[in-house]
Amino acid sequence: MTSYVQPHHVKVWLAGHAGNWHLAKYEAKELRETFGDVTTYQGAWHDFPIAKLAETNLESPLGELEGNCRQESHEFQKGR
């Protein structure tokens, strides 16, 4: 999972930090799609519900990230 998610995570941060909002929006979309793939193809691991965990915990942060990219806002740099 990390090898698929981490490159998009880094790229979206770098793009936003540089003010390249077209790339940041694209990478945010790719990040969401990658997490979608994780939930589809690795729904559980040793009876641990990866898909449910990802869907529950990532929807709000990904939505916030996408909103900040649309508004061309540097708010996502502050982290949580």
Protein backbone atom coordinates (compact mmCIF):
# COMPACT_ATOMS: atom_id res chain seq x y z
CA MET A 1 0.00 0.00 0.00
CA THR A 2 2.71 2.48 0.95
CA SER A 3 4.50 2.16 -2.36
CA TYR A 4 1.32 3.22 -4.16
CA VAL A 5 0.11 5.93 -1.78
CA GLN A 6 3.32 7.68 -0.77
CA PRO A 7 4.35 9.02 -4.20
CA HIS A 8 0.98 10.77 -4.65
CA HIS A 9 1.07 12.08 -1.09
CA VAL A 10 4.50 13.62 -1.63
CA LYS A 11 3.61 15.01 -5.05
CA VAL A 12 0.41 16.69 -3.87
CA TRP A 13 2.29 18.38 -1.03
CA LEU A 14 5.13 19.52 -3.29
CA ALA A 15 2.72 20.80 -5.94
CA GLY A 16 0.65 22.74 -3.40
CA HIS A 17 3.75 24.14 -1.74
CA ALA A 18 4.97 25.34 -5.15
CA GLY A 19 1.55 26.77 -6.04
CA ASN A 20 1.13 24.36 -8.96
CA TRP A 21 -2.60 23.90 -8.37
CA HIS A 22 -3.29 21.95 -11.56
CA LEU A 23 -0.79 19.29 -10.48
CA ALA A 24 -2.01 19.39 -6.87
CA LYS A 25 -5.61 18.78 -8.01
CA TYR A 26 -4.49 15.93 -10.24
CA GLU A 27 -2.42 14.29 -7.50
CA ALA A 28 -5.24 14.70 -4.95
CA LYS A 29 -7.52 12.85 -7.38
CA GLU A 30 -4.87 10.18 -7.89
CA LEU A 31 -4.45 9.84 -4.12
CA ARG A 32 -8.19 9.25 -3.71
CA GLU A 33 -8.18 6.71 -6.54
CA THR A 34 -5.20 4.90 -5.01
CA PHE A 35 -6.93 4.57 -1.66
CA GLY A 36 -9.98 3.33 -3.56
CA ASP A 37 -7.83 0.65 -5.16
CA VAL A 38 -6.48 -0.34 -1.75
CA THR A 39 -9.99 -0.79 -0.38
CA THR A 40 -11.03 -2.77 -3.45
CA TYR A 41 -8.07 -5.09 -3.74
CA GLN A 42 -7.09 -5.45 -0.09
CA GLY A 43 -10.38 -5.26 1.74
CA ALA A 44 -9.05 -7.19 4.71
CA TRP A 45 -5.70 -8.28 6.04
CA HIS A 46 -5.61 -11.12 8.58
CA ASP A 47 -9.30 -10.42 9.32
CA PHE A 48 -8.54 -6.73 9.88
CA PRO A 49 -11.01 -4.61 7.83
CA ILE A 50 -8.63 -2.40 5.83
CA ALA A 51 -11.38 -1.20 3.49
CA LYS A 52 -13.69 -0.09 6.29
CA LEU A 53 -10.85 1.61 8.15
CA ALA A 54 -9.74 3.50 5.05
CA GLU A 55 -13.25 4.57 4.08
CA THR A 56 -14.06 5.74 7.61
CA ASN A 57 -10.85 7.64 8.30
CA LEU A 58 -9.90 9.05 4.91
CA GLU A 59 -13.07 10.56 3.47
CA SER A 60 -12.95 13.77 5.51
CA PRO A 61 -9.21 14.49 5.11
CA LEU A 62 -9.28 13.74 1.38
CA GLY A 63 -12.32 15.97 0.92
CA GLU A 64 -10.57 18.75 2.82
CA LEU A 65 -7.43 18.32 0.71
CA GLU A 66 -9.42 18.44 -2.53
CA GLY A 67 -11.31 21.52 -1.31
CA ASN A 68 -8.06 23.31 -0.45
CA CYS A 69 -6.67 22.47 -3.87
CA ARG A 70 -9.80 23.83 -5.58
CA GLN A 71 -9.55 27.03 -3.54
CA GLU A 72 -5.80 27.18 -4.15
CA SER A 73 -5.32 27.39 -0.39
CA HIS A 74 -2.14 26.58 1.49
CA GLU A 75 -4.18 25.38 4.50
CA PHE A 76 -3.26 21.74 3.87
CA GLN A 77 0.35 22.53 4.69
CA LYS A 78 -0.57 23.01 8.34
CA GLY A 79 -1.40 19.33 8.71
CA ARG A 80 -3.47 17.86 11.50
